[in-house]
């Protein structure tokens, strides 16, 4: 097994790393994960960027931007991409334990009514 020597960066690189905002870094990481998930799903469906752009009704340059990891997607766009590729980017399942007042979540009230009818 190969061992890796871990060293702290010094000088200009060290200062740059020290100045990285952890929240900004986490957001960038999430965008990169979404981009990788899109790319993996495209590959699984044997779609190139041109084909995927046509499927989505978007331009090839927009798909390129999506795959770069720089895009901050809207929920609606992630839903549309997920539908086209057969993947899910968001978990919108609401668990009853997460709900404090059902007035804020009409679908929970509706589900509760359905359960009481059965």
PDB file of N, CA and C in Angstrom:
ATOM      1  N   UNK A   1       0.838  -1.170   0.000  1.00  0.00           N
ATOM      2  CA  UNK A   1       0.000   0.000   0.000  1.00  0.00           C
ATOM      3  C   UNK A   1       0.889   1.240   0.000  1.00  0.00           C
ATOM      4  N   UNK A   2       0.552   2.177  -0.859  1.00  0.00           N
ATOM      5  CA  UNK A   2       1.341   3.386  -0.997  1.00  0.00           C
ATOM      6  C   UNK A   2       0.947   4.392   0.083  1.00  0.00           C
ATOM      7  N   UNK A   3       1.922   4.978   0.733  1.00  0.00           N
ATOM      8  CA  UNK A   3       1.634   5.994   1.737  1.00  0.00           C
ATOM      9  C   UNK A   3       1.790   7.373   1.127  1.00  0.00           C
ATOM     10  N   UNK A   4       1.020   8.285   1.620  1.00  0.00           N
ATOM     11  CA  UNK A   4       1.053   9.656   1.124  1.00  0.00           C
ATOM     12  C   UNK A   4       1.543  10.547   2.245  1.00  0.00           C
ATOM     13  N   UNK A   5       2.548  11.336   1.931  1.00  0.00           N
ATOM     14  CA  UNK A   5       3.035  12.314   2.901  1.00  0.00           C
ATOM     15  C   UNK A   5       2.164  13.550   2.800  1.00  0.00           C
ATOM     16  N   UNK A   6       1.560  13.930   3.909  1.00  0.00           N
ATOM     17  CA  UNK A   6       0.694  15.101   3.930  1.00  0.00           C
ATOM     18  C   UNK A   6       1.484  16.280   4.485  1.00  0.00           C
ATOM     19  N   UNK A   7       1.511  17.374   3.711  1.00  0.00           N
ATOM     20  CA  UNK A   7       2.221  18.572   4.155  1.00  0.00           C
ATOM     21  C   UNK A   7       1.271  19.758   4.075  1.00  0.00           C
ATOM     22  N   UNK A   8       1.498  20.704   4.918  1.00  0.00           N
ATOM     23  CA  UNK A   8       0.723  21.935   4.869  1.00  0.00           C
ATOM     24  C   UNK A   8       1.326  22.851   3.817  1.00  0.00           C
ATOM     25  N   UNK A   9       0.451  23.515   3.057  1.00  0.00           N
ATOM     26  CA  UNK A   9       0.914  24.458   2.051  1.00  0.00           C
ATOM     27  C   UNK A   9       1.425  25.717   2.735  1.00  0.00           C
ATOM     28  N   UNK A  10       2.494  26.258   2.204  1.00  0.00           N
ATOM     29  CA  UNK A  10       3.068  27.476   2.761  1.00  0.00           C
ATOM     30  C   UNK A  10       3.148  28.527   1.662  1.00  0.00           C
ATOM     31  N   UNK A  11       3.569  29.704   2.038  1.00  0.00           N
ATOM     32  CA  UNK A  11       3.752  30.778   1.069  1.00  0.00           C
ATOM     33  C   UNK A  11       2.425  31.257   0.509  1.00  0.00           C
ATOM     34  N   UNK A  12       2.455  31.630  -0.768  1.00  0.00           N
ATOM     35  CA  UNK A  12       1.270  32.177  -1.435  1.00  0.00           C
ATOM     36  C   UNK A  12       0.137  31.155  -1.436  1.00  0.00           C
ATOM     37  N   UNK A  13       0.426  29.905  -1.768  1.00  0.00           N
ATOM     38  CA  UNK A  13      -0.599  28.863  -1.791  1.00  0.00           C
ATOM     39  C   UNK A  13      -1.206  28.673  -0.408  1.00  0.00           C
ATOM     40  N   UNK A  14      -0.399  28.667   0.605  1.00  0.00           N
ATOM     41  CA  UNK A  14      -0.889  28.521   1.971  1.00  0.00           C
ATOM     42  C   UNK A  14      -1.826  29.645   2.374  1.00  0.00           C
ATOM     43  N   UNK A  15      -1.475  30.871   2.001  1.00  0.00           N
ATOM     44  CA  UNK A  15      -2.339  32.014   2.296  1.00  0.00           C
ATOM     45  C   UNK A  15      -3.652  31.918   1.533  1.00  0.00           C
ATOM     46  N   UNK A  16      -3.580  31.495   0.276  1.00  0.00           N
ATOM     47  CA  UNK A  16      -4.800  31.356  -0.522  1.00  0.00           C
ATOM     48  C   UNK A  16      -5.730  30.302   0.081  1.00  0.00           C
ATOM     49  N   UNK A  17      -5.175  29.178   0.479  1.00  0.00           N
ATOM     50  CA  UNK A  17      -5.975  28.102   1.066  1.00  0.00           C
ATOM     51  C   UNK A  17      -6.584  28.562   2.385  1.00  0.00           C
ATOM     52  N   UNK A  18      -5.817  29.301   3.171  1.00  0.00           N
ATOM     53  CA  UNK A  18      -6.307  29.775   4.462  1.00  0.00           C
ATOM     54  C   UNK A  18      -7.460  30.758   4.301  1.00  0.00           C
ATOM     55  N   UNK A  19      -7.510  31.455   3.169  1.00  0.00           N
ATOM     56  CA  UNK A  19      -8.546  32.456   2.939  1.00  0.00           C
ATOM     57  C   UNK A  19      -9.814  31.882   2.312  1.00  0.00           C
ATOM     58  N   UNK A  20      -9.827  30.598   1.985  1.00  0.00           N
ATOM     59  CA  UNK A  20     -10.991  29.990   1.353  1.00  0.00           C
ATOM     60  C   UNK A  20     -12.138  29.926   2.353  1.00  0.00           C
ATOM     61  N   UNK A  21     -13.264  30.460   1.945  1.00  0.00           N
ATOM     62  CA  UNK A  21     -14.470  30.442   2.774  1.00  0.00           C
ATOM     63  C   UNK A  21     -15.055  29.035   2.751  1.00  0.00           C
ATOM     64  N   UNK A  22     -15.196  28.381   3.900  1.00  0.00           N
ATOM     65  CA  UNK A  22     -15.694  27.001   3.924  1.00  0.00           C
ATOM     66  C   UNK A  22     -17.105  26.862   3.354  1.00  0.00           C
ATOM     67  N   UNK A  23     -17.944  27.879   3.515  1.00  0.00           N
ATOM     68  CA  UNK A  23     -19.296  27.826   2.954  1.00  0.00           C
ATOM     69  C   UNK A  23     -19.228  27.879   1.434  1.00  0.00           C
ATOM     70  N   UNK A  24     -18.401  28.772   0.921  1.00  0.00           N
ATOM     71  CA  UNK A  24     -18.235  28.889  -0.531  1.00  0.00           C
ATOM     72  C   UNK A  24     -17.658  27.593  -1.106  1.00  0.00           C
ATOM     73  N   UNK A  25     -16.721  27.014  -0.390  1.00  0.00           N
ATOM     74  CA  UNK A  25     -16.125  25.748  -0.807  1.00  0.00           C
ATOM     75  C   UNK A  25     -17.171  24.632  -0.844  1.00  0.00           C
ATOM     76  N   UNK A  26     -18.042  24.571   0.153  1.00  0.00           N
ATOM     77  CA  UNK A  26     -19.095  23.552   0.195  1.00  0.00           C
ATOM     78  C   UNK A  26     -20.077  23.738  -0.954  1.00  0.00           C
ATOM     79  N   UNK A  27     -20.414  24.978  -1.258  1.00  0.00           N
ATOM     80  CA  UNK A  27     -21.329  25.252  -2.377  1.00  0.00           C
ATOM     81  C   UNK A  27     -20.701  24.818  -3.694  1.00  0.00           C
ATOM     82  N   UNK A  28     -19.437  25.126  -3.881  1.00  0.00           N
ATOM     83  CA  UNK A  28     -18.732  24.720  -5.103  1.00  0.00           C
ATOM     84  C   UNK A  28     -18.686  23.205  -5.213  1.00  0.00           C
ATOM     85  N   UNK A  29     -18.400  22.549  -4.094  1.00  0.00           N
ATOM     86  CA  UNK A  29     -18.365  21.080  -4.075  1.00  0.00           C
ATOM     87  C   UNK A  29     -19.717  20.502  -4.491  1.00  0.00           C
ATOM     88  N   UNK A  30     -20.809  21.059  -3.968  1.00  0.00           N
ATOM     89  CA  UNK A  30     -22.141  20.568  -4.323  1.00  0.00           C
ATOM     90  C   UNK A  30     -22.442  20.758  -5.809  1.00  0.00           C
ATOM     91  N   UNK A  31     -22.047  21.913  -6.357  1.00  0.00           N
ATOM     92  CA  UNK A  31     -22.269  22.145  -7.790  1.00  0.00           C
ATOM     93  C   UNK A  31     -21.476  21.146  -8.636  1.00  0.00           C
ATOM     94  N   UNK A  32     -20.259  20.833  -8.190  1.00  0.00           N
ATOM     95  CA  UNK A  32     -19.438  19.858  -8.913  1.00  0.00           C
ATOM     96  C   UNK A  32     -20.058  18.456  -8.833  1.00  0.00           C
ATOM     97  N   UNK A  33     -20.619  18.109  -7.691  1.00  0.00           N
ATOM     98  CA  UNK A  33     -21.272  16.805  -7.541  1.00  0.00           C
ATOM     99  C   UNK A  33     -22.476  16.709  -8.463  1.00  0.00           C
ATOM    100  N   UNK A  34     -23.278  17.770  -8.541  1.00  0.00           N
ATOM    101  CA  UNK A  34     -24.441  17.775  -9.440  1.00  0.00           C
ATOM    102  C   UNK A  34     -23.977  17.645 -10.884  1.00  0.00           C
ATOM    103  N   UNK A  35     -22.939  18.375 -11.263  1.00  0.00           N
ATOM    104  CA  UNK A  35     -22.414  18.290 -12.629  1.00  0.00           C
ATOM    105  C   UNK A  35     -21.943  16.876 -12.941  1.00  0.00           C
ATOM    106  N   UNK A  36     -21.263  16.241 -12.005  1.00  0.00           N
ATOM    107  CA  UNK A  36     -20.792  14.866 -12.209  1.00  0.00           C
ATOM    108  C   UNK A  36     -21.960  13.899 -12.323  1.00  0.00           C
ATOM    109  N   UNK A  37     -23.002  14.129 -11.531  1.00  0.00           N
ATOM    110  CA  UNK A  37     -24.179  13.256 -11.595  1.00  0.00           C
ATOM    111  C   UNK A  37     -24.888  13.389 -12.946  1.00  0.00           C
ATOM    112  N   UNK A  38     -24.957  14.606 -13.461  1.00  0.00           N
ATOM    113  CA  UNK A  38     -25.542  14.816 -14.796  1.00  0.00           C
ATOM    114  C   UNK A  38     -24.704  14.099 -15.844  1.00  0.00           C
ATOM    115  N   UNK A  39     -23.395  14.278 -15.788  1.00  0.00           N
ATOM    116  CA  UNK A  39     -22.495  13.636 -16.754  1.00  0.00           C
ATOM    117  C   UNK A  39     -22.608  12.119 -16.692  1.00  0.00           C
ATOM    118  N   UNK A  40     -22.660  11.557 -15.484  1.00  0.00           N
ATOM    119  CA  UNK A  40     -22.797  10.107 -15.335  1.00  0.00           C
ATOM    120  C   UNK A  40     -24.117   9.608 -15.922  1.00  0.00           C
ATOM    121  N   UNK A  41     -25.199  10.346 -15.669  1.00  0.00           N
ATOM    122  CA  UNK A  41     -26.507   9.947 -16.195  1.00  0.00           C
ATOM    123  C   UNK A  41     -26.545  10.061 -17.721  1.00  0.00           C
ATOM    124  N   UNK A  42     -25.902  11.096 -18.258  1.00  0.00           N
ATOM    125  CA  UNK A  42     -25.821  11.230 -19.717  1.00  0.00           C
ATOM    126  C   UNK A  42     -25.066  10.039 -20.311  1.00  0.00           C
ATOM    127  N   UNK A  43     -23.969   9.670 -19.676  1.00  0.00           N
ATOM    128  CA  UNK A  43     -23.168   8.548 -20.154  1.00  0.00           C
ATOM    129  C   UNK A  43     -23.978   7.246 -20.096  1.00  0.00           C
ATOM    130  N   UNK A  44     -24.708   7.062 -19.019  1.00  0.00           N
ATOM    131  CA  UNK A  44     -25.529   5.853 -18.870  1.00  0.00           C
ATOM    132  C   UNK A  44     -26.610   5.773 -19.942  1.00  0.00           C
ATOM    133  N   UNK A  45     -27.089   6.920 -20.403  1.00  0.00           N
ATOM    134  CA  UNK A  45     -28.116   6.968 -21.452  1.00  0.00           C
ATOM    135  C   UNK A  45     -27.499   7.112 -22.842  1.00  0.00           C
ATOM    136  N   UNK A  46     -26.173   7.041 -22.921  1.00  0.00           N
ATOM    137  CA  UNK A  46     -25.450   7.200 -24.194  1.00  0.00           C
ATOM    138  C   UNK A  46     -25.814   8.502 -24.908  1.00  0.00           C
ATOM    139  N   UNK A  47     -25.873   9.589 -24.137  1.00  0.00           N
ATOM    140  CA  UNK A  47     -26.187  10.896 -24.700  1.00  0.00           C
ATOM    141  C   UNK A  47     -24.941  11.767 -24.707  1.00  0.00           C
ATOM    142  N   UNK A  48     -24.657  12.377 -25.848  1.00  0.00           N
ATOM    143  CA  UNK A  48     -23.601  13.380 -25.862  1.00  0.00           C
ATOM    144  C   UNK A  48     -24.231  14.742 -25.563  1.00  0.00           C
ATOM    145  N   UNK A  49     -23.403  15.773 -25.479  1.00  0.00           N
ATOM    146  CA  UNK A  49     -23.919  17.093 -25.119  1.00  0.00           C
ATOM    147  C   UNK A  49     -24.924  17.614 -26.133  1.00  0.00           C
ATOM    148  N   UNK A  50     -24.678  17.364 -27.402  1.00  0.00           N
ATOM    149  CA  UNK A  50     -25.586  17.835 -28.453  1.00  0.00           C
ATOM    150  C   UNK A  50     -26.950  17.156 -28.325  1.00  0.00           C
ATOM    151  N   UNK A  51     -26.948  15.847 -28.103  1.00  0.00           N
ATOM    152  CA  UNK A  51     -28.202  15.105 -27.957  1.00  0.00           C
ATOM    153  C   UNK A  51     -28.959  15.539 -26.702  1.00  0.00           C
ATOM    154  N   UNK A  52     -28.222  15.720 -25.626  1.00  0.00           N
ATOM    155  CA  UNK A  52     -28.854  16.132 -24.384  1.00  0.00           C
ATOM    156  C   UNK A  52     -29.432  17.540 -24.501  1.00  0.00           C
ATOM    157  N   UNK A  53     -28.712  18.419 -25.178  1.00  0.00           N
ATOM    158  CA  UNK A  53     -29.206  19.784 -25.396  1.00  0.00           C
ATOM    159  C   UNK A  53     -30.531  19.743 -26.161  1.00  0.00           C
ATOM    160  N   UNK A  54     -30.598  18.915 -27.175  1.00  0.00           N
ATOM    161  CA  UNK A  54     -31.835  18.798 -27.965  1.00  0.00           C
ATOM    162  C   UNK A  54     -32.963  18.238 -27.101  1.00  0.00           C
ATOM    163  N   UNK A  55     -32.660  17.222 -26.309  1.00  0.00           N
ATOM    164  CA  UNK A  55     -33.646  16.616 -25.426  1.00  0.00           C
ATOM    165  C   UNK A  55     -34.198  17.634 -24.425  1.00  0.00           C
ATOM    166  N   UNK A  56     -33.329  18.494 -23.927  1.00  0.00           N
ATOM    167  CA  UNK A  56     -33.715  19.482 -22.919  1.00  0.00           C
ATOM    168  C   UNK A  56     -34.264  20.778 -23.526  1.00  0.00           C
ATOM    169  N   UNK A  57     -34.112  20.945 -24.838  1.00  0.00           N
ATOM    170  CA  UNK A  57     -34.532  22.195 -25.463  1.00  0.00           C
ATOM    171  C   UNK A  57     -33.619  23.350 -25.082  1.00  0.00           C
ATOM    172  N   UNK A  58     -32.351  23.048 -24.898  1.00  0.00           N
ATOM    173  CA  UNK A  58     -31.345  24.035 -24.491  1.00  0.00           C
ATOM    174  C   UNK A  58     -30.232  24.062 -25.525  1.00  0.00           C
ATOM    175  N   UNK A  59     -29.335  25.020 -25.399  1.00  0.00           N
ATOM    176  CA  UNK A  59     -28.196  25.097 -26.306  1.00  0.00           C
ATOM    177  C   UNK A  59     -27.071  24.206 -25.792  1.00  0.00           C
ATOM    178  N   UNK A  60     -26.187  23.837 -26.719  1.00  0.00           N
ATOM    179  CA  UNK A  60     -25.022  23.037 -26.318  1.00  0.00           C
ATOM    180  C   UNK A  60     -24.142  23.797 -25.333  1.00  0.00           C
ATOM    181  N   UNK A  61     -24.029  25.115 -25.518  1.00  0.00           N
ATOM    182  CA  UNK A  61     -23.186  25.893 -24.606  1.00  0.00           C
ATOM    183  C   UNK A  61     -23.777  25.910 -23.198  1.00  0.00           C
ATOM    184  N   UNK A  62     -25.095  25.875 -23.091  1.00  0.00           N
ATOM    185  CA  UNK A  62     -25.713  25.822 -21.761  1.00  0.00           C
ATOM    186  C   UNK A  62     -25.423  24.478 -21.091  1.00  0.00           C
ATOM    187  N   UNK A  63     -25.481  23.399 -21.865  1.00  0.00           N
ATOM    188  CA  UNK A  63     -25.155  22.075 -21.323  1.00  0.00           C
ATOM    189  C   UNK A  63     -23.687  22.047 -20.895  1.00  0.00           C
ATOM    190  N   UNK A  64     -22.821  22.647 -21.691  1.00  0.00           N
ATOM    191  CA  UNK A  64     -21.405  22.738 -21.327  1.00  0.00           C
ATOM    192  C   UNK A  64     -21.254  23.449 -19.985  1.00  0.00           C
ATOM    193  N   UNK A  65     -21.988  24.556 -19.805  1.00  0.00           N
ATOM    194  CA  UNK A  65     -21.954  25.287 -18.528  1.00  0.00           C
ATOM    195  C   UNK A  65     -22.448  24.404 -17.384  1.00  0.00           C
ATOM    196  N   UNK A  66     -23.518  23.647 -17.617  1.00  0.00           N
ATOM    197  CA  UNK A  66     -24.047  22.753 -16.589  1.00  0.00           C
ATOM    198  C   UNK A  66     -22.978  21.763 -16.139  1.00  0.00           C
ATOM    199  N   UNK A  67     -22.251  21.224 -17.106  1.00  0.00           N
ATOM    200  CA  UNK A  67     -21.263  20.189 -16.816  1.00  0.00           C
ATOM    201  C   UNK A  67     -19.959  20.744 -16.254  1.00  0.00           C
ATOM    202  N   UNK A  68     -19.793  22.058 -16.288  1.00  0.00           N
ATOM    203  CA  UNK A  68     -18.569  22.674 -15.768  1.00  0.00           C
ATOM    204  C   UNK A  68     -18.558  22.746 -14.245  1.00  0.00           C
ATOM    205  N   UNK A  69     -19.751  22.672 -13.647  1.00  0.00           N
ATOM    206  CA  UNK A  69     -19.843  22.779 -12.198  1.00  0.00           C
ATOM    207  C   UNK A  69     -19.950  24.209 -11.700  1.00  0.00           C
ATOM    208  N   UNK A  70     -20.072  25.152 -12.619  1.00  0.00           N
ATOM    209  CA  UNK A  70     -20.198  26.560 -12.232  1.00  0.00           C
ATOM    210  C   UNK A  70     -21.643  27.009 -12.088  1.00  0.00           C
ATOM    211  N   UNK A  71     -22.572  26.193 -12.543  1.00  0.00           N
ATOM    212  CA  UNK A  71     -23.975  26.598 -12.594  1.00  0.00           C
ATOM    213  C   UNK A  71     -24.659  26.416 -11.243  1.00  0.00           C
ATOM    214  N   UNK A  72     -25.398  27.430 -10.834  1.00  0.00           N
ATOM    215  CA  UNK A  72     -26.237  27.340  -9.646  1.00  0.00           C
ATOM    216  C   UNK A  72     -27.660  27.081 -10.148  1.00  0.00           C
ATOM    217  N   UNK A  73     -28.076  25.833 -10.129  1.00  0.00           N
ATOM    218  CA  UNK A  73     -29.345  25.420 -10.716  1.00  0.00           C
ATOM    219  C   UNK A  73     -30.545  25.847  -9.876  1.00  0.00           C
ATOM    220  N   UNK A  74     -31.659  26.091 -10.568  1.00  0.00           N
ATOM    221  CA  UNK A  74     -32.920  26.262  -9.854  1.00  0.00           C
ATOM    222  C   UNK A  74     -33.487  24.872  -9.577  1.00  0.00           C
ATOM    223  N   UNK A  75     -34.381  24.797  -8.636  1.00  0.00           N
ATOM    224  CA  UNK A  75     -35.032  23.525  -8.326  1.00  0.00           C
ATOM    225  C   UNK A  75     -35.782  23.012  -9.542  1.00  0.00           C
ATOM    226  N   UNK A  76     -36.449  23.901 -10.271  1.00  0.00           N
ATOM    227  CA  UNK A  76     -37.204  23.490 -11.457  1.00  0.00           C
ATOM    228  C   UNK A  76     -36.291  22.900 -12.529  1.00  0.00           C
ATOM    229  N   UNK A  77     -35.129  23.506 -12.732  1.00  0.00           N
ATOM    230  CA  UNK A  77     -34.190  22.986 -13.732  1.00  0.00           C
ATOM    231  C   UNK A  77     -33.665  21.616 -13.308  1.00  0.00           C
ATOM    232  N   UNK A  78     -33.340  21.461 -12.034  1.00  0.00           N
ATOM    233  CA  UNK A  78     -32.887  20.145 -11.553  1.00  0.00           C
ATOM    234  C   UNK A  78     -33.980  19.100 -11.726  1.00  0.00           C
ATOM    235  N   UNK A  79     -35.209  19.483 -11.499  1.00  0.00           N
ATOM    236  CA  UNK A  79     -36.324  18.558 -11.698  1.00  0.00           C
ATOM    237  C   UNK A  79     -36.413  18.154 -13.167  1.00  0.00           C
ATOM    238  N   UNK A  80     -36.338  19.137 -14.077  1.00  0.00           N
ATOM    239  CA  UNK A  80     -36.417  18.855 -15.523  1.00  0.00           C
ATOM    240  C   UNK A  80     -35.271  17.950 -15.979  1.00  0.00           C
ATOM    241  N   UNK A  81     -34.074  18.218 -15.507  1.00  0.00           N
ATOM    242  CA  UNK A  81     -32.919  17.388 -15.860  1.00  0.00           C
ATOM    243  C   UNK A  81     -33.128  15.972 -15.334  1.00  0.00           C
ATOM    244  N   UNK A  82     -33.584  15.866 -14.107  1.00  0.00           N
ATOM    245  CA  UNK A  82     -33.842  14.560 -13.515  1.00  0.00           C
ATOM    246  C   UNK A  82     -34.877  13.766 -14.284  1.00  0.00           C
ATOM    247  N   UNK A  83     -35.935  14.438 -14.722  1.00  0.00           N
ATOM    248  CA  UNK A  83     -36.969  13.767 -15.513  1.00  0.00           C
ATOM    249  C   UNK A  83     -36.399  13.258 -16.831  1.00  0.00           C
ATOM    250  N   UNK A  84     -35.591  14.064 -17.476  1.00  0.00           N
ATOM    251  CA  UNK A  84     -35.019  13.695 -18.773  1.00  0.00           C
ATOM    252  C   UNK A  84     -34.030  12.533 -18.649  1.00  0.00           C
ATOM    253  N   UNK A  85     -33.302  12.497 -17.551  1.00  0.00           N
ATOM    254  CA  UNK A  85     -32.251  11.487 -17.387  1.00  0.00           C
ATOM    255  C   UNK A  85     -32.651  10.319 -16.487  1.00  0.00           C
ATOM    256  N   UNK A  86     -33.801  10.426 -15.850  1.00  0.00           N
ATOM    257  CA  UNK A  86     -34.248   9.359 -14.967  1.00  0.00           C
ATOM    258  C   UNK A  86     -33.469   9.280 -13.666  1.00  0.00           C
ATOM    259  N   UNK A  87     -33.035  10.441 -13.166  1.00  0.00           N
ATOM    260  CA  UNK A  87     -32.317  10.495 -11.892  1.00  0.00           C
ATOM    261  C   UNK A  87     -32.996  11.534 -11.003  1.00  0.00           C
ATOM    262  N   UNK A  88     -32.667  11.500  -9.727  1.00  0.00           N
ATOM    263  CA  UNK A  88     -33.222  12.470  -8.788  1.00  0.00           C
ATOM    264  C   UNK A  88     -32.089  13.266  -8.161  1.00  0.00           C
ATOM    265  N   UNK A  89     -32.269  14.568  -8.149  1.00  0.00           N
ATOM    266  CA  UNK A  89     -31.270  15.443  -7.537  1.00  0.00           C
ATOM    267  C   UNK A  89     -31.729  15.953  -6.180  1.00  0.00           C
ATOM    268  N   UNK A  90     -33.015  15.871  -5.922  1.00  0.00           N
ATOM    269  CA  UNK A  90     -33.571  16.425  -4.699  1.00  0.00           C
ATOM    270  C   UNK A  90     -34.430  15.385  -4.000  1.00  0.00           C
ATOM    271  N   UNK A  91     -34.315  15.347  -2.711  1.00  0.00           N
ATOM    272  CA  UNK A  91     -35.218  14.520  -1.930  1.00  0.00           C
ATOM    273  C   UNK A  91     -36.236  15.454  -1.303  1.00  0.00           C
ATOM    274  N   UNK A  92     -37.455  15.386  -1.776  1.00  0.00           N
ATOM    275  CA  UNK A  92     -38.490  16.270  -1.258  1.00  0.00           C
ATOM    276  C   UNK A  92     -39.496  15.507  -0.412  1.00  0.00           C
ATOM    277  N   UNK A  93     -39.104  14.323   0.026  1.00  0.00           N
ATOM    278  CA  UNK A  93     -39.969  13.557   0.906  1.00  0.00           C
ATOM    279  C   UNK A  93     -40.014  14.242   2.261  1.00  0.00           C
ATOM    280  N   UNK A  94     -41.206  14.507   2.719  1.00  0.00           N
ATOM    281  CA  UNK A  94     -41.390  15.173   3.998  1.00  0.00           C
ATOM    282  C   UNK A  94     -41.811  14.130   5.019  1.00  0.00           C
ATOM    283  N   UNK A  95     -41.050  14.026   6.069  1.00  0.00           N
ATOM    284  CA  UNK A  95     -41.359  13.078   7.132  1.00  0.00           C
ATOM    285  C   UNK A  95     -42.155  13.792   8.214  1.00  0.00           C
ATOM    286  N   UNK A  96     -43.125  13.114   8.761  1.00  0.00           N
ATOM    287  CA  UNK A  96     -43.983  13.732   9.770  1.00  0.00           C
ATOM    288  C   UNK A  96     -43.190  14.270  10.948  1.00  0.00           C
ATOM    289  N   UNK A  97     -42.097  13.646  11.295  1.00  0.00           N
ATOM    290  CA  UNK A  97     -41.292  14.113  12.423  1.00  0.00           C
ATOM    291  C   UNK A  97     -40.643  15.461  12.144  1.00  0.00           C
ATOM    292  N   UNK A  98     -40.559  15.844  10.864  1.00  0.00           N
ATOM    293  CA  UNK A  98     -39.943  17.114  10.501  1.00  0.00           C
ATOM    294  C   UNK A  98     -40.944  18.264  10.536  1.00  0.00           C
ATOM    295  N   UNK A  99     -42.225  17.933  10.695  1.00  0.00           N
ATOM    296  CA  UNK A  99     -43.269  18.942  10.608  1.00  0.00           C
ATOM    297  C   UNK A  99     -43.687  19.369  12.005  1.00  0.00           C
ATOM    298  N   UNK A 100     -43.601  20.668  12.261  1.00  0.00           N
ATOM    299  CA  UNK A 100     -44.035  21.168  13.558  1.00  0.00           C
ATOM    300  C   UNK A 100     -45.521  21.503  13.531  1.00  0.00           C
ATOM    301  N   UNK A 101     -45.957  22.176  12.478  1.00  0.00           N
ATOM    302  CA  UNK A 101     -47.364  22.540  12.341  1.00  0.00           C
ATOM    303  C   UNK A 101     -47.800  22.216  10.924  1.00  0.00           C
ATOM    304  N   UNK A 102     -48.836  21.389  10.793  1.00  0.00           N
ATOM    305  CA  UNK A 102     -49.256  20.973   9.458  1.00  0.00           C
ATOM    306  C   UNK A 102     -49.875  22.107   8.657  1.00  0.00           C
ATOM    307  N   UNK A 103     -50.202  23.253   9.299  1.00  0.00           N
ATOM    308  CA  UNK A 103     -50.741  24.393   8.562  1.00  0.00           C
ATOM    309  C   UNK A 103     -49.750  24.888   7.510  1.00  0.00           C
ATOM    310  N   UNK A 104     -48.461  24.693   7.777  1.00  0.00           N
ATOM    311  CA  UNK A 104     -47.437  25.154   6.847  1.00  0.00           C
ATOM    312  C   UNK A 104     -47.221  24.156   5.717  1.00  0.00           C
ATOM    313  N   UNK A 105     -47.733  22.960   5.850  1.00  0.00           N
ATOM    314  CA  UNK A 105     -47.528  21.898   4.877  1.00  0.00           C
ATOM    315  C   UNK A 105     -48.862  21.262   4.518  1.00  0.00           C
ATOM    316  N   UNK A 106     -49.628  21.879   3.608  1.00  0.00           N
ATOM    317  CA  UNK A 106     -50.955  21.346   3.287  1.00  0.00           C
ATOM    318  C   UNK A 106     -50.920  19.904   2.784  1.00  0.00           C
ATOM    319  N   UNK A 107     -49.830  19.488   2.126  1.00  0.00           N
ATOM    320  CA  UNK A 107     -49.765  18.119   1.622  1.00  0.00           C
ATOM    321  C   UNK A 107     -49.735  17.107   2.759  1.00  0.00           C
ATOM    322  N   UNK A 108     -49.170  17.497   3.901  1.00  0.00           N
ATOM    323  CA  UNK A 108     -49.151  16.605   5.063  1.00  0.00           C
ATOM    324  C   UNK A 108     -50.568  16.432   5.574  1.00  0.00           C
ATOM    325  N   UNK A 109     -51.293  17.534   5.641  1.00  0.00           N
ATOM    326  CA  UNK A 109     -52.679  17.469   6.081  1.00  0.00           C
ATOM    327  C   UNK A 109     -53.483  16.591   5.127  1.00  0.00           C
ATOM    328  N   UNK A 110     -53.243  16.750   3.821  1.00  0.00           N
ATOM    329  CA  UNK A 110     -53.930  15.939   2.826  1.00  0.00           C
ATOM    330  C   UNK A 110     -53.595  14.459   3.010  1.00  0.00           C
ATOM    331  N   UNK A 111     -52.317  14.148   3.217  1.00  0.00           N
ATOM    332  CA  UNK A 111     -51.905  12.753   3.437  1.00  0.00           C
ATOM    333  C   UNK A 111     -52.569  12.205   4.699  1.00  0.00           C
ATOM    334  N   UNK A 112     -52.630  13.033   5.734  1.00  0.00           N
ATOM    335  CA  UNK A 112     -53.259  12.593   6.975  1.00  0.00           C
ATOM    336  C   UNK A 112     -54.727  12.284   6.745  1.00  0.00           C
ATOM    337  N   UNK A 113     -55.401  13.102   5.942  1.00  0.00           N
ATOM    338  CA  UNK A 113     -56.814  12.854   5.644  1.00  0.00           C
ATOM    339  C   UNK A 113     -56.955  11.550   4.875  1.00  0.00           C
ATOM    340  N   UNK A 114     -56.044  11.297   3.932  1.00  0.00           N
ATOM    341  CA  UNK A 114     -56.111  10.068   3.138  1.00  0.00           C
ATOM    342  C   UNK A 114     -55.920   8.857   4.032  1.00  0.00           C
ATOM    343  N   UNK A 115     -54.978   8.943   4.982  1.00  0.00           N
ATOM    344  CA  UNK A 115     -54.734   7.823   5.891  1.00  0.00           C
ATOM    345  C   UNK A 115     -55.954   7.562   6.778  1.00  0.00           C
ATOM    346  N   UNK A 116     -56.631   8.619   7.192  1.00  0.00           N
ATOM    347  CA  UNK A 116     -57.771   8.428   8.074  1.00  0.00           C
ATOM    348  C   UNK A 116     -58.959   7.851   7.321  1.00  0.00           C
ATOM    349  N   UNK A 117     -59.019   8.034   5.995  1.00  0.00           N
ATOM    350  CA  UNK A 117     -60.114   7.481   5.195  1.00  0.00           C
ATOM    351  C   UNK A 117     -59.929   6.001   4.918  1.00  0.00           C
ATOM    352  N   UNK A 118     -58.697   5.512   4.986  1.00  0.00           N
ATOM    353  CA  UNK A 118     -58.465   4.107   4.659  1.00  0.00           C
ATOM    354  C   UNK A 118     -58.551   3.199   5.845  1.00  0.00           C
TER     355      UNK A 118
END
